[in-house]
Amino acid sequence: MIVSSSVPVTRAAKEATTSIPIVMATNYSPVDAGLVASLARPGGNVTGLAVDTGPELEGKRLGLRKDIAPQISRVAWFGSKLA
């Protein structure tokens, strides 16, 4: 198993092997980085944890917040996109 903590390291490991499992932890969307095909069906040998899951799940997270606290009328989100 290979454990990585950044997109460049994960990308290099993915290019080096297709048989050794790669477990990543990153703050960038693995789909946007081209590391996995999708969050639902990543395919290949890359798996792990991503803080920024991209637009696929952000809408669901916002809906969940609205369900938990329906009185909230505004939400601010601060973040950055780094490759």
PDB file of N, CA and C in Angstrom:
ATOM      1  N   MET A   1       0.839  -1.155   0.000  1.00  0.00           N
ATOM      2  CA  MET A   1       0.000   0.000   0.000  1.00  0.00           C
ATOM      3  C   MET A   1       0.896   1.233   0.000  1.00  0.00           C
ATOM      4  N   ILE A   2       0.472   2.239  -0.772  1.00  0.00           N
ATOM      5  CA  ILE A   2       1.144   3.537  -0.803  1.00  0.00           C
ATOM      6  C   ILE A   2       0.207   4.542  -0.174  1.00  0.00           C
ATOM      7  N   VAL A   3       0.713   5.347   0.749  1.00  0.00           N
ATOM      8  CA  VAL A   3      -0.078   6.395   1.392  1.00  0.00           C
ATOM      9  C   VAL A   3       0.480   7.739   0.951  1.00  0.00           C
ATOM     10  N   SER A   4      -0.400   8.620   0.477  1.00  0.00           N
ATOM     11  CA  SER A   4       0.062   9.929   0.009  1.00  0.00           C
ATOM     12  C   SER A   4      -0.805  11.029   0.612  1.00  0.00           C
ATOM     13  N   SER A   5      -0.227  12.225   0.654  1.00  0.00           N
ATOM     14  CA  SER A   5      -0.961  13.345   1.260  1.00  0.00           C
ATOM     15  C   SER A   5      -1.048  14.557   0.336  1.00  0.00           C
ATOM     16  N   SER A   6      -0.738  14.376  -0.929  1.00  0.00           N
ATOM     17  CA  SER A   6      -0.857  15.497  -1.856  1.00  0.00           C
ATOM     18  C   SER A   6      -1.180  14.970  -3.251  1.00  0.00           C
ATOM     19  N   VAL A   7      -1.757  15.846  -4.060  1.00  0.00           N
ATOM     20  CA  VAL A   7      -2.128  15.464  -5.421  1.00  0.00           C
ATOM     21  C   VAL A   7      -0.905  15.063  -6.253  1.00  0.00           C
ATOM     22  N   PRO A   8       0.196  15.828  -6.231  1.00  0.00           N
ATOM     23  CA  PRO A   8       1.345  15.422  -7.053  1.00  0.00           C
ATOM     24  C   PRO A   8       1.906  14.042  -6.677  1.00  0.00           C
ATOM     25  N   VAL A   9       1.970  13.745  -5.402  1.00  0.00           N
ATOM     26  CA  VAL A   9       2.487  12.440  -4.957  1.00  0.00           C
ATOM     27  C   VAL A   9       1.529  11.332  -5.382  1.00  0.00           C
ATOM     28  N   THR A  10       0.225  11.558  -5.210  1.00  0.00           N
ATOM     29  CA  THR A  10      -0.764  10.560  -5.608  1.00  0.00           C
ATOM     30  C   THR A  10      -0.725  10.339  -7.116  1.00  0.00           C
ATOM     31  N   ARG A  11      -0.609  11.423  -7.873  1.00  0.00           N
ATOM     32  CA  ARG A  11      -0.543  11.312  -9.339  1.00  0.00           C
ATOM     33  C   ARG A  11       0.692  10.501  -9.761  1.00  0.00           C
ATOM     34  N   ALA A  12       1.839  10.776  -9.140  1.00  0.00           N
ATOM     35  CA  ALA A  12       3.065  10.046  -9.467  1.00  0.00           C
ATOM     36  C   ALA A  12       2.924   8.563  -9.119  1.00  0.00           C
ATOM     37  N   ALA A  13       2.320   8.272  -7.988  1.00  0.00           N
ATOM     38  CA  ALA A  13       2.123   6.875  -7.592  1.00  0.00           C
ATOM     39  C   ALA A  13       1.164   6.172  -8.549  1.00  0.00           C
ATOM     40  N   LYS A  14       0.124   6.870  -8.955  1.00  0.00           N
ATOM     41  CA  LYS A  14      -0.851   6.289  -9.886  1.00  0.00           C
ATOM     42  C   LYS A  14      -0.209   5.988 -11.235  1.00  0.00           C
ATOM     43  N   GLU A  15       0.679   6.863 -11.679  1.00  0.00           N
ATOM     44  CA  GLU A  15       1.375   6.645 -12.944  1.00  0.00           C
ATOM     45  C   GLU A  15       2.394   5.507 -12.843  1.00  0.00           C
ATOM     46  N   ALA A  16       2.883   5.257 -11.629  1.00  0.00           N
ATOM     47  CA  ALA A  16       3.918   4.242 -11.441  1.00  0.00           C
ATOM     48  C   ALA A  16       3.356   2.828 -11.310  1.00  0.00           C
ATOM     49  N   THR A  17       2.120   2.686 -10.835  1.00  0.00           N
ATOM     50  CA  THR A  17       1.582   1.349 -10.602  1.00  0.00           C
ATOM     51  C   THR A  17       0.066   1.318 -10.778  1.00  0.00           C
ATOM     52  N   THR A  18      -0.421   0.184 -11.210  1.00  0.00           N
ATOM     53  CA  THR A  18      -1.863  -0.033 -11.289  1.00  0.00           C
ATOM     54  C   THR A  18      -2.297  -1.176 -10.382  1.00  0.00           C
ATOM     55  N   SER A  19      -1.336  -1.803  -9.705  1.00  0.00           N
ATOM     56  CA  SER A  19      -1.667  -2.954  -8.873  1.00  0.00           C
ATOM     57  C   SER A  19      -1.544  -2.694  -7.375  1.00  0.00           C
ATOM     58  N   ILE A  20      -0.704  -1.775  -6.974  1.00  0.00           N
ATOM     59  CA  ILE A  20      -0.539  -1.469  -5.545  1.00  0.00           C
ATOM     60  C   ILE A  20      -1.613  -0.463  -5.137  1.00  0.00           C
ATOM     61  N   PRO A  21      -2.376  -0.742  -4.061  1.00  0.00           N
ATOM     62  CA  PRO A  21      -3.400   0.208  -3.609  1.00  0.00           C
ATOM     63  C   PRO A  21      -2.769   1.531  -3.151  1.00  0.00           C
ATOM     64  N   ILE A  22      -3.397   2.636  -3.528  1.00  0.00           N
ATOM     65  CA  ILE A  22      -2.928   3.968  -3.145  1.00  0.00           C
ATOM     66  C   ILE A  22      -4.011   4.608  -2.292  1.00  0.00           C
ATOM     67  N   VAL A  23      -3.651   4.973  -1.070  1.00  0.00           N
ATOM     68  CA  VAL A  23      -4.574   5.630  -0.151  1.00  0.00           C
ATOM     69  C   VAL A  23      -4.127   7.078  -0.022  1.00  0.00           C
ATOM     70  N   MET A  24      -5.007   7.997  -0.395  1.00  0.00           N
ATOM     71  CA  MET A  24      -4.642   9.414  -0.383  1.00  0.00           C
ATOM     72  C   MET A  24      -5.474  10.170   0.648  1.00  0.00           C
ATOM     73  N   ALA A  25      -4.902  11.261   1.107  1.00  0.00           N
ATOM     74  CA  ALA A  25      -5.614  12.230   1.936  1.00  0.00           C
ATOM     75  C   ALA A  25      -5.249  13.586   1.358  1.00  0.00           C
ATOM     76  N   THR A  26      -6.233  14.286   0.812  1.00  0.00           N
ATOM     77  CA  THR A  26      -5.943  15.543   0.129  1.00  0.00           C
ATOM     78  C   THR A  26      -7.044  16.565   0.392  1.00  0.00           C
ATOM     79  N   ASN A  27      -6.715  17.830   0.208  1.00  0.00           N
ATOM     80  CA  ASN A  27      -7.710  18.884   0.361  1.00  0.00           C
ATOM     81  C   ASN A  27      -8.211  19.362  -1.001  1.00  0.00           C
ATOM     82  N   TYR A  28      -7.943  18.604  -2.036  1.00  0.00           N
ATOM     83  CA  TYR A  28      -8.351  18.961  -3.389  1.00  0.00           C
ATOM     84  C   TYR A  28      -9.238  17.850  -3.937  1.00  0.00           C
ATOM     85  N   SER A  29     -10.164  18.185  -4.790  1.00  0.00           N
ATOM     86  CA  SER A  29     -11.080  17.198  -5.355  1.00  0.00           C
ATOM     87  C   SER A  29     -10.322  16.160  -6.183  1.00  0.00           C
ATOM     88  N   PRO A  30     -10.424  14.883  -5.837  1.00  0.00           N
ATOM     89  CA  PRO A  30      -9.729  13.855  -6.607  1.00  0.00           C
ATOM     90  C   PRO A  30     -10.297  13.705  -8.022  1.00  0.00           C
ATOM     91  N   VAL A  31     -11.557  14.054  -8.210  1.00  0.00           N
ATOM     92  CA  VAL A  31     -12.147  13.997  -9.550  1.00  0.00           C
ATOM     93  C   VAL A  31     -11.553  15.111 -10.416  1.00  0.00           C
ATOM     94  N   ASP A  32     -11.516  16.348  -9.886  1.00  0.00           N
ATOM     95  CA  ASP A  32     -10.942  17.474 -10.620  1.00  0.00           C
ATOM     96  C   ASP A  32      -9.455  17.258 -10.918  1.00  0.00           C
ATOM     97  N   ALA A  33      -8.764  16.575 -10.013  1.00  0.00           N
ATOM     98  CA  ALA A  33      -7.335  16.319 -10.197  1.00  0.00           C
ATOM     99  C   ALA A  33      -7.071  15.169 -11.161  1.00  0.00           C
ATOM    100  N   GLY A  34      -8.126  14.457 -11.560  1.00  0.00           N
ATOM    101  CA  GLY A  34      -7.957  13.347 -12.485  1.00  0.00           C
ATOM    102  C   GLY A  34      -7.442  12.074 -11.825  1.00  0.00           C
ATOM    103  N   LEU A  35      -7.581  11.983 -10.511  1.00  0.00           N
ATOM    104  CA  LEU A  35      -7.093  10.802  -9.800  1.00  0.00           C
ATOM    105  C   LEU A  35      -8.106   9.666  -9.806  1.00  0.00           C
ATOM    106  N   VAL A  36      -9.391  10.006  -9.840  1.00  0.00           N
ATOM    107  CA  VAL A  36     -10.458   9.008  -9.871  1.00  0.00           C
ATOM    108  C   VAL A  36     -11.506   9.442 -10.893  1.00  0.00           C
ATOM    109  N   ALA A  37     -12.261   8.466 -11.391  1.00  0.00           N
ATOM    110  CA  ALA A  37     -13.295   8.765 -12.382  1.00  0.00           C
ATOM    111  C   ALA A  37     -14.465   9.512 -11.757  1.00  0.00           C
ATOM    112  N   SER A  38     -14.904   9.083 -10.580  1.00  0.00           N
ATOM    113  CA  SER A  38     -15.985   9.749  -9.849  1.00  0.00           C
ATOM    114  C   SER A  38     -15.896   9.331  -8.392  1.00  0.00           C
ATOM    115  N   LEU A  39     -16.578  10.057  -7.526  1.00  0.00           N
ATOM    116  CA  LEU A  39     -16.567   9.684  -6.110  1.00  0.00           C
ATOM    117  C   LEU A  39     -17.371   8.411  -5.876  1.00  0.00           C
ATOM    118  N   ALA A  40     -18.435   8.231  -6.628  1.00  0.00           N
ATOM    119  CA  ALA A  40     -19.274   7.043  -6.469  1.00  0.00           C
ATOM    120  C   ALA A  40     -18.579   5.784  -6.976  1.00  0.00           C
ATOM    121  N   ARG A  41     -17.854   5.898  -8.082  1.00  0.00           N
ATOM    122  CA  ARG A  41     -17.155   4.762  -8.675  1.00  0.00           C
ATOM    123  C   ARG A  41     -15.748   5.212  -9.097  1.00  0.00           C
ATOM    124  N   PRO A  42     -14.833   5.248  -8.116  1.00  0.00           N
ATOM    125  CA  PRO A  42     -13.500   5.762  -8.422  1.00  0.00           C
ATOM    126  C   PRO A  42     -12.729   4.922  -9.432  1.00  0.00           C
ATOM    127  N   GLY A  43     -12.907   3.608  -9.399  1.00  0.00           N
ATOM    128  CA  GLY A  43     -12.167   2.742 -10.314  1.00  0.00           C
ATOM    129  C   GLY A  43     -10.677   2.767 -10.001  1.00  0.00           C
ATOM    130  N   GLY A  44      -9.917   1.936 -10.635  1.00  0.00           N
ATOM    131  CA  GLY A  44      -8.469   1.936 -10.442  1.00  0.00           C
ATOM    132  C   GLY A  44      -8.049   1.528  -9.047  1.00  0.00           C
ATOM    133  N   ASN A  45      -6.874   1.971  -8.666  1.00  0.00           N
ATOM    134  CA  ASN A  45      -6.285   1.568  -7.394  1.00  0.00           C
ATOM    135  C   ASN A  45      -6.135   2.726  -6.407  1.00  0.00           C
ATOM    136  N   VAL A  46      -6.821   3.857  -6.649  1.00  0.00           N
ATOM    137  CA  VAL A  46      -6.729   5.013  -5.761  1.00  0.00           C
ATOM    138  C   VAL A  46      -7.997   5.124  -4.926  1.00  0.00           C
ATOM    139  N   THR A  47      -7.816   5.282  -3.626  1.00  0.00           N
ATOM    140  CA  THR A  47      -8.924   5.489  -2.708  1.00  0.00           C
ATOM    141  C   THR A  47      -8.455   6.428  -1.609  1.00  0.00           C
ATOM    142  N   GLY A  48      -9.334   6.817  -0.714  1.00  0.00           N
ATOM    143  CA  GLY A  48      -8.891   7.644   0.405  1.00  0.00           C
ATOM    144  C   GLY A  48      -9.890   8.687   0.834  1.00  0.00           C
ATOM    145  N   LEU A  49      -9.360   9.797   1.336  1.00  0.00           N
ATOM    146  CA  LEU A  49     -10.158  10.860   1.929  1.00  0.00           C
ATOM    147  C   LEU A  49      -9.869  12.165   1.213  1.00  0.00           C
ATOM    148  N   ALA A  50     -10.930  12.891   0.876  1.00  0.00           N
ATOM    149  CA  ALA A  50     -10.778  14.202   0.250  1.00  0.00           C
ATOM    150  C   ALA A  50     -11.648  15.204   0.983  1.00  0.00           C
ATOM    151  N   VAL A  51     -11.067  16.309   1.381  1.00  0.00           N
ATOM    152  CA  VAL A  51     -11.820  17.355   2.067  1.00  0.00           C
ATOM    153  C   VAL A  51     -12.694  18.103   1.069  1.00  0.00           C
ATOM    154  N   ASP A  52     -12.133  18.467  -0.063  1.00  0.00           N
ATOM    155  CA  ASP A  52     -12.883  19.157  -1.111  1.00  0.00           C
ATOM    156  C   ASP A  52     -13.366  18.107  -2.095  1.00  0.00           C
ATOM    157  N   THR A  53     -14.632  17.782  -2.029  1.00  0.00           N
ATOM    158  CA  THR A  53     -15.185  16.762  -2.900  1.00  0.00           C
ATOM    159  C   THR A  53     -15.725  17.338  -4.191  1.00  0.00           C
ATOM    160  N   GLY A  54     -15.597  18.630  -4.371  1.00  0.00           N
ATOM    161  CA  GLY A  54     -16.064  19.269  -5.592  1.00  0.00           C
ATOM    162  C   GLY A  54     -17.562  19.488  -5.591  1.00  0.00           C
ATOM    163  N   PRO A  55     -18.096  19.913  -6.702  1.00  0.00           N
ATOM    164  CA  PRO A  55     -19.513  20.268  -6.761  1.00  0.00           C
ATOM    165  C   PRO A  55     -20.464  19.087  -6.602  1.00  0.00           C
ATOM    166  N   GLU A  56     -19.958  17.858  -6.767  1.00  0.00           N
ATOM    167  CA  GLU A  56     -20.818  16.680  -6.640  1.00  0.00           C
ATOM    168  C   GLU A  56     -21.537  16.643  -5.292  1.00  0.00           C
ATOM    169  N   LEU A  57     -20.823  16.944  -4.237  1.00  0.00           N
ATOM    170  CA  LEU A  57     -21.407  16.812  -2.906  1.00  0.00           C
ATOM    171  C   LEU A  57     -21.707  18.131  -2.209  1.00  0.00           C
ATOM    172  N   GLU A  58     -21.185  19.231  -2.704  1.00  0.00           N
ATOM    173  CA  GLU A  58     -21.409  20.510  -2.018  1.00  0.00           C
ATOM    174  C   GLU A  58     -22.887  20.876  -1.954  1.00  0.00           C
ATOM    175  N   GLY A  59     -23.640  20.622  -3.014  1.00  0.00           N
ATOM    176  CA  GLY A  59     -25.083  20.894  -3.010  1.00  0.00           C
ATOM    177  C   GLY A  59     -25.800  20.046  -1.973  1.00  0.00           C
ATOM    178  N   LYS A  60     -25.390  18.800  -1.836  1.00  0.00           N
ATOM    179  CA  LYS A  60     -25.996  17.919  -0.836  1.00  0.00           C
ATOM    180  C   LYS A  60     -25.667  18.397   0.577  1.00  0.00           C
ATOM    181  N   ARG A  61     -24.440  18.860   0.771  1.00  0.00           N
ATOM    182  CA  ARG A  61     -24.057  19.371   2.091  1.00  0.00           C
ATOM    183  C   ARG A  61     -24.870  20.607   2.456  1.00  0.00           C
ATOM    184  N   LEU A  62     -25.071  21.486   1.472  1.00  0.00           N
ATOM    185  CA  LEU A  62     -25.879  22.684   1.717  1.00  0.00           C
ATOM    186  C   LEU A  62     -27.316  22.300   2.045  1.00  0.00           C
ATOM    187  N   GLY A  63     -27.879  21.334   1.320  1.00  0.00           N
ATOM    188  CA  GLY A  63     -29.232  20.861   1.616  1.00  0.00           C
ATOM    189  C   GLY A  63     -29.346  20.268   3.008  1.00  0.00           C
ATOM    190  N   LEU A  64     -28.326  19.544   3.435  1.00  0.00           N
ATOM    191  CA  LEU A  64     -28.323  18.962   4.776  1.00  0.00           C
ATOM    192  C   LEU A  64     -28.299  20.057   5.839  1.00  0.00           C
ATOM    193  N   ARG A  65     -27.485  21.077   5.596  1.00  0.00           N
ATOM    194  CA  ARG A  65     -27.456  22.200   6.554  1.00  0.00           C
ATOM    195  C   ARG A  65     -28.823  22.872   6.648  1.00  0.00           C
ATOM    196  N   LYS A  66     -29.494  23.016   5.524  1.00  0.00           N
ATOM    197  CA  LYS A  66     -30.818  23.642   5.500  1.00  0.00           C
ATOM    198  C   LYS A  66     -31.833  22.770   6.228  1.00  0.00           C
ATOM    199  N   ASP A  67     -31.724  21.450   6.099  1.00  0.00           N
ATOM    200  CA  ASP A  67     -32.615  20.536   6.824  1.00  0.00           C
ATOM    201  C   ASP A  67     -32.394  20.626   8.328  1.00  0.00           C
ATOM    202  N   ILE A  68     -31.140  20.765   8.730  1.00  0.00           N
ATOM    203  CA  ILE A  68     -30.810  20.826  10.160  1.00  0.00           C
ATOM    204  C   ILE A  68     -31.257  22.146  10.780  1.00  0.00           C
ATOM    205  N   ALA A  69     -31.058  23.226  10.063  1.00  0.00           N
ATOM    206  CA  ALA A  69     -31.396  24.564  10.582  1.00  0.00           C
ATOM    207  C   ALA A  69     -32.166  25.343   9.513  1.00  0.00           C
ATOM    208  N   PRO A  70     -33.474  25.068   9.350  1.00  0.00           N
ATOM    209  CA  PRO A  70     -34.244  25.703   8.278  1.00  0.00           C
ATOM    210  C   PRO A  70     -34.386  27.218   8.416  1.00  0.00           C
ATOM    211  N   GLN A  71     -34.135  27.760   9.589  1.00  0.00           N
ATOM    212  CA  GLN A  71     -34.253  29.204   9.787  1.00  0.00           C
ATOM    213  C   GLN A  71     -33.098  29.987   9.180  1.00  0.00           C
ATOM    214  N   ILE A  72     -32.028  29.310   8.787  1.00  0.00           N
ATOM    215  CA  ILE A  72     -30.871  29.987   8.197  1.00  0.00           C
ATOM    216  C   ILE A  72     -31.231  30.462   6.790  1.00  0.00           C
ATOM    217  N   SER A  73     -30.958  31.743   6.532  1.00  0.00           N
ATOM    218  CA  SER A  73     -31.286  32.291   5.209  1.00  0.00           C
ATOM    219  C   SER A  73     -30.043  32.574   4.370  1.00  0.00           C
ATOM    220  N   ARG A  74     -28.865  32.631   5.003  1.00  0.00           N
ATOM    221  CA  ARG A  74     -27.627  32.888   4.272  1.00  0.00           C
ATOM    222  C   ARG A  74     -26.530  31.951   4.750  1.00  0.00           C
ATOM    223  N   VAL A  75     -25.727  31.545   3.800  1.00  0.00           N
ATOM    224  CA  VAL A  75     -24.574  30.698   4.117  1.00  0.00           C
ATOM    225  C   VAL A  75     -23.374  31.260   3.371  1.00  0.00           C
ATOM    226  N   ALA A  76     -22.262  31.417   4.062  1.00  0.00           N
ATOM    227  CA  ALA A  76     -21.022  31.868   3.434  1.00  0.00           C
ATOM    228  C   ALA A  76     -20.036  30.709   3.453  1.00  0.00           C
ATOM    229  N   TRP A  77     -19.343  30.533   2.350  1.00  0.00           N
ATOM    230  CA  TRP A  77     -18.346  29.471   2.250  1.00  0.00           C
ATOM    231  C   TRP A  77     -17.065  30.078   1.708  1.00  0.00           C
ATOM    232  N   PHE A  78     -15.985  29.836   2.400  1.00  0.00           N
ATOM    233  CA  PHE A  78     -14.682  30.348   1.985  1.00  0.00           C
ATOM    234  C   PHE A  78     -13.778  29.172   1.693  1.00  0.00           C
ATOM    235  N   GLY A  79     -13.139  29.190   0.566  1.00  0.00           N
ATOM    236  CA  GLY A  79     -12.245  28.112   0.203  1.00  0.00           C
ATOM    237  C   GLY A  79     -11.388  28.528  -0.981  1.00  0.00           C
ATOM    238  N   SER A  80     -10.538  27.631  -1.354  1.00  0.00           N
ATOM    239  CA  SER A  80      -9.669  27.913  -2.501  1.00  0.00           C
ATOM    240  C   SER A  80      -9.499  26.645  -3.301  1.00  0.00           C
ATOM    241  N   LYS A  81      -9.152  26.814  -4.533  1.00  0.00           N
ATOM    242  CA  LYS A  81      -8.875  25.692  -5.423  1.00  0.00           C
ATOM    243  C   LYS A  81      -7.396  25.704  -5.729  1.00  0.00           C
ATOM    244  N   LEU A  82      -6.715  24.648  -5.355  1.00  0.00           N
ATOM    245  CA  LEU A  82      -5.283  24.528  -5.625  1.00  0.00           C
ATOM    246  C   LEU A  82      -5.052  23.230  -6.378  1.00  0.00           C
ATOM    247  N   ALA A  83      -4.256  23.275  -7.392  1.00  0.00           N
ATOM    248  CA  ALA A  83      -3.970  22.044  -8.145  1.00  0.00           C
ATOM    249  C   ALA A  83      -2.779  21.332  -7.573  1.00  0.00           C
TER     250      ALA A  83
END
